[in-house]
Amino acid sequence: MKNSGKEKYFSRILSASIIPIQLLLFGFIWISYYNLFAFRTHRLMGGIISLLLYCTIYYRLVRIYRADKIAQYSIGETVFSQLLAFGITDLIFYVECCFIARGYVSIVPGFITVMIQFAIACLWAVAAKRYYHRHVAPQETAVIYGDESVKEFLRKIEEKSWRLFHIHSKVSAEKGIEEIKAAIDCSETVILYQIDYSLREELIYYCVNQKKVFYVTPTITDIVACGFENRHFIDSPLMKHSCYQESLMMAFLKRSMDIGVSLFGLVITLPITLITMIAIKLEDGGTVFFRQERYTKDWKKFYVIKFRSMIMDAEKDGAMLCGVNDNRVTKVGAVIRRFRIDEIPQLVNVLKGDMALVGPRPERVENVEKYTKELPQFAYRLQVKSGLTGYAQLYGKYNTSAYDKLRLDLIYIENRSLILDMKLIMLTLKMLFILESTEGFSDEAVQLMRVELGDRNLMV
């Protein structure tokens, strides 16, 4: 069943409706209470400006956390994203009010407002999700694939509760072009997965001509092309790609942010750090910290510091990927890995300058050497300093394949900026509570990674 434009239109209105509702709730408590403390004079103008600023900040956080995208996420994740968006914004304005008033202003009205906003967000998320499921049908989708790793790709799509795609047809690129086009003709949406460049080009043109919505899995070349700029020296169009050169001012600002945030993080996590150290020591009497050699920018080596989450001598027989339900993970380790507490000591690496707050995840030395041997483009990640958080860490998972991690990291490298860094830091607050990002490697995923690394045709 095809989705009607009217149903999609009402779905989008329903998704956006939460923004004015939350603005009205905050506006009532601000105008009736906090505005009286923030502005002794010109209260009307001050209130209007405050509400405009609130709307701007809240809207930007909604966009960052995708807190209005009811279709893509579960109800729980949508509500949590909303809580982060209005919670952070409300806190900013409460602190601003206290600073302007030069004293403590009761937090109770603000806290009650947050509770009401949370309740409204829950009701809205449930109503919007039910409406979407009842009135918007998944898109009839055809997948055209070029290699067998498509099984893992489809598994990841189908286990989501998005209801975005109903995959009715899976066609190998080895089939005849007429069979592929027939599958496309019967579909609303097309996914082109890891297929040869020349065939992909032909199918893209065909999808455009048939007015089909389509997705492609990008190659390394596609991602690098994102950094191109149009140039018009003559009447033949040119596209220029320049190697990114960080200015002294940008380097100073980024390093200042690294130092400031890492110091703040070490201070506020001190109670958690002390409890974790005691728990690790009490469980098996082993060392508290785990040090491992990693690569960072320009192939420099450093020792990353983490809380030990596995048994002592977990890799005495050689390096091993952490699998699902790995029996080497201790009881304390399972908890600290779940909430990323084991990563806290890396703030010391950031403070020392071995790492940045944002950048590609530092890979262990033997992995980098293995990956670059099979996949030379993997070395491109070493153009920038490794990071505590980053694009691949947020949009990928622990068990994301090397090739997918590379593509995610290259997206960051081609688009990096201080604004993007701040966005990724904000997203990290949300991802700390998302369970799937800490999944281990299944046996099938390990095998697919080995196959993927050996397939050079993907790099066209």
Protein backbone atom coordinates (compact mmCIF):
# COMPACT_ATOMS: atom_id res chain seq x y z
CA MET A 1 0.00 0.00 0.00
CA LYS A 2 1.39 3.37 -1.01
CA ASN A 3 1.59 6.13 1.55
CA SER A 4 -0.72 9.01 0.76
CA GLY A 5 0.75 12.50 0.73
CA LYS A 6 -1.99 13.62 3.11
CA GLU A 7 -1.03 11.01 5.72
CA LYS A 8 2.65 11.96 5.52
CA TYR A 9 1.72 15.63 5.80
CA PHE A 10 -0.28 15.10 9.01
CA SER A 11 2.48 12.87 10.37
CA ARG A 12 5.01 15.68 9.95
CA ILE A 13 2.68 18.18 11.61
CA LEU A 14 2.22 15.80 14.54
CA SER A 15 6.00 15.37 14.86
CA ALA A 16 6.56 19.14 14.88
CA SER A 17 3.69 19.90 17.27
CA ILE A 18 5.77 19.16 20.38
CA ILE A 19 7.93 22.27 19.85
CA PRO A 20 5.21 24.93 20.35
CA ILE A 21 3.67 22.87 23.20
CA GLN A 22 6.96 22.84 25.15
CA LEU A 23 7.53 26.51 24.35
CA LEU A 24 4.11 27.41 25.80
CA LEU A 25 4.79 25.45 28.99
CA PHE A 26 8.15 27.14 29.53
CA GLY A 27 6.76 30.52 28.50
CA PHE A 28 4.04 30.36 31.17
CA ILE A 29 6.45 29.68 34.07
CA TRP A 30 9.04 32.15 32.76
CA ILE A 31 6.65 35.06 32.31
CA SER A 32 4.70 34.39 35.52
CA TYR A 33 7.72 33.76 37.78
CA TYR A 34 11.32 33.80 36.57
CA ASN A 35 10.98 36.87 34.36
CA LEU A 36 10.15 38.90 37.50
CA PHE A 37 13.62 38.12 38.90
CA ALA A 38 15.56 38.31 35.64
CA PHE A 39 14.30 41.74 34.58
CA ARG A 40 13.53 44.49 37.08
CA THR A 41 12.72 46.85 34.22
CA HIS A 42 11.65 46.33 30.58
CA ARG A 43 10.08 43.04 31.61
CA LEU A 44 7.92 42.72 28.51
CA MET A 45 10.82 43.13 26.12
CA GLY A 46 13.05 40.94 28.28
CA GLY A 47 10.40 38.23 28.36
CA ILE A 48 9.93 38.30 24.59
CA ILE A 49 13.68 38.12 23.92
CA SER A 50 14.04 35.30 26.45
CA LEU A 51 11.30 33.27 24.79
CA LEU A 52 12.82 33.82 21.35
CA LEU A 53 16.20 32.66 22.66
CA TYR A 54 14.58 29.69 24.37
CA CYS A 55 12.84 28.70 21.16
CA THR A 56 16.11 28.98 19.21
CA ILE A 57 18.18 26.89 21.65
CA TYR A 58 15.45 24.30 22.21
CA TYR A 59 14.85 23.92 18.47
CA ARG A 60 18.57 23.46 17.80
CA LEU A 61 18.81 20.77 20.48
CA VAL A 62 15.72 19.05 19.07
CA ARG A 63 17.46 18.95 15.70
CA ILE A 64 20.73 17.70 17.18
CA TYR A 65 19.02 14.93 19.15
CA ARG A 66 16.41 14.34 16.40
CA ALA A 67 13.86 14.53 19.17
CA ASP A 68 10.98 15.15 16.73
CA LYS A 69 11.70 12.14 14.49
CA ILE A 70 9.02 9.83 15.77
CA ALA A 71 9.32 7.35 12.88
CA GLN A 72 13.02 6.48 13.24
CA TYR A 73 13.21 5.89 16.99
CA SER A 74 11.41 4.02 19.73
CA ILE A 75 9.05 5.87 22.07
CA GLY A 76 11.57 5.61 24.92
CA GLU A 77 14.43 7.06 22.88
CA THR A 78 12.22 9.85 21.52
CA VAL A 79 11.09 10.83 25.03
CA PHE A 80 14.68 10.72 26.30
CA SER A 81 15.80 12.94 23.41
CA GLN A 82 13.04 15.40 24.27
CA LEU A 83 14.09 15.34 27.94
CA LEU A 84 17.64 16.24 26.96
CA ALA A 85 16.47 19.01 24.62
CA PHE A 86 14.10 20.85 26.96
CA GLY A 87 15.99 19.84 30.12
CA ILE A 88 19.27 21.39 28.98
CA THR A 89 17.48 24.50 27.67
CA ASP A 90 15.49 24.96 30.89
CA LEU A 91 18.69 24.58 32.93
CA ILE A 92 20.49 27.20 30.82
CA PHE A 93 17.72 29.73 31.44
CA TYR A 94 17.45 28.93 35.15
CA VAL A 95 21.19 29.53 35.61
CA GLU A 96 20.89 32.73 33.54
CA CYS A 97 18.07 33.94 35.80
CA CYS A 98 20.16 33.31 38.94
CA PHE A 99 23.14 35.17 37.46
CA ILE A 100 21.04 38.17 36.43
CA ALA A 101 19.23 38.23 39.78
CA ARG A 102 22.63 37.89 41.53
CA GLY A 103 21.29 35.31 43.93
CA TYR A 104 19.43 32.07 44.35
CA VAL A 105 16.03 31.86 42.70
CA SER A 106 13.81 28.94 43.69
CA ILE A 107 14.29 25.95 41.40
CA VAL A 108 10.98 24.39 42.47
CA PRO A 109 8.74 26.06 39.82
CA GLY A 110 11.28 25.13 37.15
CA PHE A 111 11.49 21.55 38.37
CA ILE A 112 7.69 21.22 38.32
CA THR A 113 7.69 22.62 34.78
CA VAL A 114 10.25 20.02 33.69
CA MET A 115 8.07 17.25 35.15
CA ILE A 116 5.03 18.57 33.26
CA GLN A 117 7.10 18.88 30.07
CA PHE A 118 8.27 15.30 30.54
CA ALA A 119 4.69 14.04 31.00
CA ILE A 120 3.56 15.94 27.91
CA ALA A 121 6.50 14.52 25.93
CA CYS A 122 5.50 10.98 26.95
CA LEU A 123 1.87 11.48 25.93
CA TRP A 124 2.90 13.13 22.67
CA ALA A 125 5.38 10.38 21.78
CA VAL A 126 2.82 7.61 22.39
CA ALA A 127 0.09 9.42 20.42
CA ALA A 128 2.40 10.32 17.55
CA LYS A 129 3.83 6.79 17.32
CA ARG A 130 0.36 5.22 17.31
CA TYR A 131 -0.82 7.63 14.62
CA TYR A 132 2.25 6.90 12.52
CA HIS A 133 1.85 3.13 12.80
CA ARG A 134 -1.86 3.30 12.06
CA HIS A 135 -1.84 5.69 9.11
CA VAL A 136 1.60 5.59 7.48
CA ALA A 137 2.53 2.34 5.77
CA PRO A 138 6.19 1.31 5.37
CA GLN A 139 7.68 2.08 1.97
CA GLU A 140 7.75 -0.82 -0.45
CA THR A 141 11.49 -1.25 -0.88
CA ALA A 142 13.76 -3.13 -3.26
CA VAL A 143 17.37 -3.87 -2.27
CA ILE A 144 19.89 -4.31 -5.07
CA TYR A 145 23.04 -5.79 -3.60
CA GLY A 146 26.55 -6.61 -4.73
CA ASP A 147 27.91 -8.92 -2.03
CA GLU A 148 26.77 -11.29 0.68
CA SER A 149 27.39 -8.83 3.53
CA VAL A 150 23.91 -7.58 2.63
CA LYS A 151 22.56 -10.22 5.07
CA GLU A 152 24.05 -8.36 8.03
CA PHE A 153 22.92 -5.04 6.53
CA LEU A 154 19.33 -6.25 6.20
CA ARG A 155 19.39 -7.76 9.68
CA LYS A 156 20.27 -4.37 11.16
CA ILE A 157 17.45 -2.68 9.22
CA GLU A 158 14.80 -5.29 9.95
CA GLU A 159 15.48 -5.49 13.69
CA LYS A 160 14.65 -1.81 14.03
CA SER A 161 11.07 -0.79 14.79
CA TRP A 162 11.20 2.05 12.28
CA ARG A 163 8.43 0.88 9.95
CA LEU A 164 10.19 2.93 7.28
CA PHE A 165 10.87 0.08 4.87
CA HIS A 166 9.05 -3.05 3.83
CA ILE A 167 11.67 -4.96 1.89
CA HIS A 168 9.66 -6.94 -0.63
CA SER A 169 12.46 -7.63 -3.09
CA LYS A 170 16.17 -8.48 -2.79
CA VAL A 171 17.95 -8.74 -6.12
CA SER A 172 21.60 -9.59 -6.68
CA ALA A 173 23.56 -7.30 -8.98
CA GLU A 174 24.53 -10.44 -10.89
CA LYS A 175 20.98 -10.78 -12.16
CA GLY A 176 20.06 -9.32 -15.52
CA ILE A 177 19.43 -5.61 -15.80
CA GLU A 178 15.82 -6.20 -16.83
CA GLU A 179 15.10 -8.18 -13.66
CA ILE A 180 16.68 -5.43 -11.56
CA LYS A 181 14.66 -2.72 -13.30
CA ALA A 182 11.48 -4.74 -12.87
CA ALA A 183 12.10 -4.87 -9.10
CA ILE A 184 12.68 -1.11 -9.07
CA ASP A 185 9.46 -0.47 -11.01
CA CYS A 186 7.45 -2.30 -8.34
CA SER A 187 8.97 -0.28 -5.49
CA GLU A 188 8.54 3.11 -3.89
CA THR A 189 12.09 3.11 -2.53
CA VAL A 190 15.34 1.51 -3.71
CA ILE A 191 18.50 0.73 -1.73
CA LEU A 192 21.67 0.20 -3.80
CA TYR A 193 24.02 -1.76 -1.57
CA GLN A 194 27.70 -2.23 -2.40
CA ILE A 195 27.31 -2.64 -6.15
CA ASP A 196 29.82 -2.05 -8.92
CA TYR A 197 30.28 1.61 -9.85
CA SER A 198 29.21 1.32 -13.50
CA LEU A 199 26.01 -0.58 -12.63
CA ARG A 200 25.29 1.80 -9.77
CA GLU A 201 25.60 4.77 -12.13
CA GLU A 202 23.12 3.21 -14.58
CA LEU A 203 20.65 2.40 -11.81
CA ILE A 204 20.91 5.87 -10.29
CA TYR A 205 19.95 7.40 -13.63
CA TYR A 206 17.10 4.91 -13.95
CA CYS A 207 15.78 5.71 -10.44
CA VAL A 208 15.93 9.44 -11.17
CA ASN A 209 14.04 9.01 -14.44
CA GLN A 210 11.43 6.82 -12.71
CA LYS A 211 11.12 9.36 -9.87
CA LYS A 212 12.05 6.77 -7.24
CA VAL A 213 13.41 7.56 -3.78
CA PHE A 214 16.73 5.76 -3.49
CA TYR A 215 19.62 5.25 -1.08
CA VAL A 216 23.19 4.26 -1.88
CA THR A 217 26.00 2.97 0.31
CA PRO A 218 28.85 5.39 -0.37
CA THR A 219 32.33 4.39 -1.42
CA ILE A 220 35.44 6.08 -0.07
CA THR A 221 35.59 8.18 -3.24
CA ASP A 222 32.00 9.34 -2.72
CA ILE A 223 32.79 10.54 0.80
CA VAL A 224 35.99 12.33 -0.22
CA ALA A 225 33.95 14.05 -2.95
CA CYS A 226 31.88 15.65 -0.18
CA GLY A 227 34.88 17.89 0.46
CA PHE A 228 34.92 19.24 -3.10
CA GLU A 229 34.23 22.90 -3.84
CA ASN A 230 32.89 24.25 -7.12
CA ARG A 231 35.27 26.47 -9.09
CA HIS A 232 34.42 28.47 -12.22
CA PHE A 233 37.63 29.66 -13.84
CA ILE A 234 36.38 28.86 -17.33
CA ASP A 235 33.12 27.64 -18.84
CA SER A 236 34.03 24.03 -18.01
CA PRO A 237 33.03 23.29 -14.40
CA LEU A 238 35.81 22.28 -12.04
CA MET A 239 35.70 20.81 -8.53
CA LYS A 240 38.55 21.44 -6.11
CA HIS A 241 39.60 19.35 -3.13
CA SER A 242 42.15 20.79 -0.71
CA CYS A 243 43.79 18.91 2.12
CA TYR A 244 42.38 20.32 5.33
CA GLN A 245 44.76 22.70 7.06
CA GLU A 246 43.71 23.63 10.56
CA SER A 247 44.31 27.31 11.31
CA LEU A 248 46.20 28.36 14.40
CA MET A 249 43.03 29.92 15.81
CA MET A 250 41.02 26.76 15.20
CA ALA A 251 43.75 24.60 16.74
CA PHE A 252 43.86 26.90 19.78
CA LEU A 253 40.07 26.84 20.23
CA LYS A 254 39.87 23.07 19.81
CA ARG A 255 42.71 22.45 22.28
CA SER A 256 41.19 24.91 24.76
CA MET A 257 37.88 23.08 24.54
CA ASP A 258 39.68 19.74 25.03
CA ILE A 259 41.42 20.97 28.18
CA GLY A 260 38.36 22.71 29.63
CA VAL A 261 35.91 19.86 29.05
CA SER A 262 38.33 17.12 30.15
CA LEU A 263 39.13 18.96 33.41
CA PHE A 264 35.43 19.52 34.07
CA GLY A 265 34.69 15.88 33.23
CA LEU A 266 37.39 14.58 35.59
CA VAL A 267 36.04 16.71 38.44
CA ILE A 268 32.34 15.82 38.09
CA THR A 269 33.07 12.12 37.57
CA LEU A 270 35.40 11.89 40.58
CA PRO A 271 32.83 10.10 42.81
CA ILE A 272 32.12 7.56 40.03
CA THR A 273 35.87 7.11 39.48
CA LEU A 274 36.51 6.36 43.17
CA ILE A 275 33.60 3.89 43.39
CA THR A 276 34.75 2.14 40.20
CA MET A 277 38.34 1.84 41.41
CA ILE A 278 37.20 0.27 44.68
CA ALA A 279 34.77 -2.11 42.92
CA ILE A 280 37.41 -3.36 40.46
CA LYS A 281 39.92 -3.94 43.24
CA LEU A 282 37.42 -5.74 45.46
CA GLU A 283 36.20 -8.09 42.72
CA ASP A 284 39.46 -9.84 41.87
CA GLY A 285 42.29 -7.83 43.45
CA GLY A 286 43.80 -7.07 40.03
CA THR A 287 45.00 -3.79 38.58
CA VAL A 288 42.47 -0.97 38.32
CA PHE A 289 43.65 0.52 35.04
CA PHE A 290 44.23 -1.01 31.63
CA ARG A 291 46.85 0.48 29.29
CA GLN A 292 47.14 -0.39 25.64
CA GLU A 293 49.23 1.00 22.79
CA ARG A 294 47.21 2.82 20.12
CA TYR A 295 47.85 4.95 17.05
CA THR A 296 46.86 8.60 16.80
CA LYS A 297 47.56 11.44 14.34
CA ASP A 298 50.56 11.02 12.00
CA TRP A 299 51.12 7.42 13.14
CA LYS A 300 52.20 8.48 16.61
CA LYS A 301 51.84 5.82 19.30
CA PHE A 302 50.50 6.41 22.79
CA TYR A 303 49.08 4.34 25.64
CA VAL A 304 45.32 4.71 26.07
CA ILE A 305 44.11 4.46 29.68
CA LYS A 306 40.86 2.73 30.62
CA PHE A 307 39.35 1.07 33.65
CA ARG A 308 39.98 -2.66 33.43
CA SER A 309 36.75 -4.42 32.48
CA MET A 310 38.14 -7.90 31.75
CA ILE A 311 39.92 -10.52 33.78
CA MET A 312 43.66 -10.18 34.25
CA ASP A 313 45.69 -11.45 31.26
CA ALA A 314 42.56 -11.52 29.08
CA GLU A 315 44.75 -11.47 25.97
CA LYS A 316 47.59 -13.71 27.08
CA ASP A 317 46.94 -15.86 23.98
CA GLY A 318 46.93 -12.86 21.65
CA ALA A 319 44.56 -10.06 20.66
CA MET A 320 40.90 -11.12 20.52
CA LEU A 321 37.75 -9.22 19.65
CA CYS A 322 35.24 -8.89 22.47
CA GLY A 323 32.30 -11.11 21.59
CA VAL A 324 28.68 -11.16 22.75
CA ASN A 325 28.53 -12.47 26.35
CA ASP A 326 32.33 -12.71 26.42
CA ASN A 327 33.30 -14.69 29.53
CA ARG A 328 36.44 -12.59 29.94
CA VAL A 329 34.36 -9.56 30.98
CA THR A 330 34.10 -9.27 34.77
CA LYS A 331 30.88 -8.47 36.63
CA VAL A 332 32.06 -4.95 37.36
CA GLY A 333 33.35 -4.74 33.79
CA ALA A 334 29.92 -5.52 32.35
CA VAL A 335 28.41 -2.58 34.28
CA ILE A 336 31.11 -0.03 33.49
CA ARG A 337 31.15 -1.03 29.82
CA ARG A 338 27.36 -0.69 29.67
CA PHE A 339 27.52 2.95 30.83
CA ARG A 340 30.92 3.77 29.21
CA ILE A 341 32.41 4.33 32.67
CA ASP A 342 35.51 2.42 31.56
CA GLU A 343 36.23 5.31 29.16
CA ILE A 344 36.51 7.99 31.88
CA PRO A 345 40.33 7.67 32.35
CA GLN A 346 40.75 8.61 28.70
CA LEU A 347 40.01 12.17 29.79
CA VAL A 348 43.58 12.07 31.11
CA ASN A 349 44.75 11.17 27.58
CA VAL A 350 42.81 14.18 26.29
CA LEU A 351 44.33 16.44 28.95
CA LYS A 352 47.84 15.23 28.04
CA GLY A 353 47.21 15.90 24.35
CA ASP A 354 47.43 12.26 23.20
CA MET A 355 43.80 12.45 22.15
CA ALA A 356 41.15 15.04 21.36
CA LEU A 357 37.60 15.08 22.65
CA VAL A 358 36.31 14.47 19.13
CA GLY A 359 37.99 12.40 16.45
CA PRO A 360 38.29 8.86 15.09
CA ARG A 361 38.49 6.17 17.74
CA PRO A 362 42.14 5.25 18.46
CA GLU A 363 42.67 1.73 17.13
CA ARG A 364 45.15 -0.70 18.65
CA VAL A 365 48.45 -0.92 16.80
CA GLU A 366 48.02 -4.45 15.44
CA ASN A 367 44.52 -3.66 14.12
CA VAL A 368 45.68 -0.57 12.24
CA GLU A 369 48.56 -2.46 10.68
CA LYS A 370 46.22 -5.28 9.66
CA TYR A 371 43.49 -3.01 8.30
CA THR A 372 45.86 -0.78 6.32
CA LYS A 373 47.45 -3.84 4.74
CA GLU A 374 44.09 -5.00 3.44
CA LEU A 375 42.51 -1.56 3.15
CA PRO A 376 45.17 1.15 2.47
CA GLN A 377 42.58 3.94 2.77
CA PHE A 378 42.23 3.12 6.47
CA ALA A 379 45.40 5.15 7.07
CA TYR A 380 43.41 8.28 6.09
CA ARG A 381 41.98 8.25 9.63
CA LEU A 382 45.45 9.10 10.96
CA GLN A 383 45.34 12.55 9.39
CA VAL A 384 43.59 13.79 12.53
CA LYS A 385 44.08 13.21 16.23
CA SER A 386 42.10 10.29 17.66
CA GLY A 387 39.13 11.17 19.85
CA LEU A 388 37.26 10.13 22.95
CA THR A 389 34.03 10.49 20.99
CA GLY A 390 33.40 10.95 17.32
CA TYR A 391 31.28 10.26 14.28
CA ALA A 392 31.94 6.51 14.14
CA GLN A 393 31.56 6.14 17.91
CA LEU A 394 28.13 7.82 17.80
CA TYR A 395 26.66 6.56 14.56
CA GLY A 396 28.36 3.17 14.70
CA LYS A 397 28.71 0.55 17.39
CA TYR A 398 31.56 -1.37 18.99
CA ASN A 399 30.97 -4.21 16.54
CA THR A 400 30.63 -2.03 13.44
CA SER A 401 32.89 -3.38 10.70
CA ALA A 402 36.24 -1.76 9.89
CA TYR A 403 35.01 -0.59 6.48
CA ASP A 404 31.87 1.04 7.91
CA LYS A 405 33.92 2.70 10.68
CA LEU A 406 36.28 4.05 8.05
CA ARG A 407 33.43 5.55 6.05
CA LEU A 408 31.92 7.14 9.15
CA ASP A 409 35.29 8.57 10.21
CA LEU A 410 35.89 9.97 6.72
CA ILE A 411 32.53 11.75 6.85
CA TYR A 412 33.81 13.52 9.96
CA ILE A 413 37.24 14.25 8.47
CA GLU A 414 35.72 15.79 5.33
CA ASN A 415 33.29 17.96 7.31
CA ARG A 416 35.11 18.68 10.55
CA SER A 417 34.65 22.00 12.28
CA LEU A 418 34.31 23.34 15.81
CA ILE A 419 30.52 23.47 15.34
CA LEU A 420 30.45 19.79 14.36
CA ASP A 421 32.66 18.92 17.35
CA MET A 422 30.25 20.65 19.72
CA LYS A 423 27.30 18.85 18.12
CA LEU A 424 28.99 15.48 18.54
CA ILE A 425 29.82 16.25 22.18
CA MET A 426 26.14 17.06 22.80
CA LEU A 427 25.11 13.81 21.08
CA THR A 428 27.49 11.89 23.32
CA LEU A 429 25.29 12.80 26.32
CA LYS A 430 22.45 10.90 24.67
CA MET A 431 24.47 7.95 23.41
CA LEU A 432 25.79 7.20 26.91
CA PHE A 433 22.42 5.61 27.60
CA ILE A 434 21.91 3.74 24.32
CA LEU A 435 22.58 0.05 24.95
CA GLU A 436 23.21 -1.15 21.38
CA SER A 437 26.37 0.89 20.93
CA THR A 438 28.22 -1.44 23.30
CA GLU A 439 27.31 -4.73 21.61
CA GLY A 440 30.11 -7.20 21.11
CA PHE A 441 31.09 -8.93 17.88
CA SER A 442 29.02 -11.93 16.86
CA ASP A 443 30.80 -14.76 15.03
CA GLU A 444 28.94 -13.83 11.85
CA ALA A 445 29.99 -10.18 12.12
CA VAL A 446 33.65 -11.16 12.53
CA GLN A 447 33.47 -13.33 9.42
CA LEU A 448 31.77 -10.57 7.42
CA MET A 449 34.48 -8.12 8.46
CA ARG A 450 37.15 -10.44 7.13
CA VAL A 451 35.29 -10.81 3.83
CA GLU A 452 34.70 -7.06 3.60
CA LEU A 453 38.36 -6.19 4.16
CA GLY A 454 39.34 -8.47 1.34
CA ASP A 455 36.96 -6.95 -1.19
CA ARG A 456 38.89 -4.25 -3.03
CA ASN A 457 36.03 -3.57 -5.51
CA LEU A 458 34.17 -1.61 -2.82
CA MET A 459 36.78 1.14 -2.99
CA VAL A 460 36.01 2.25 -6.57
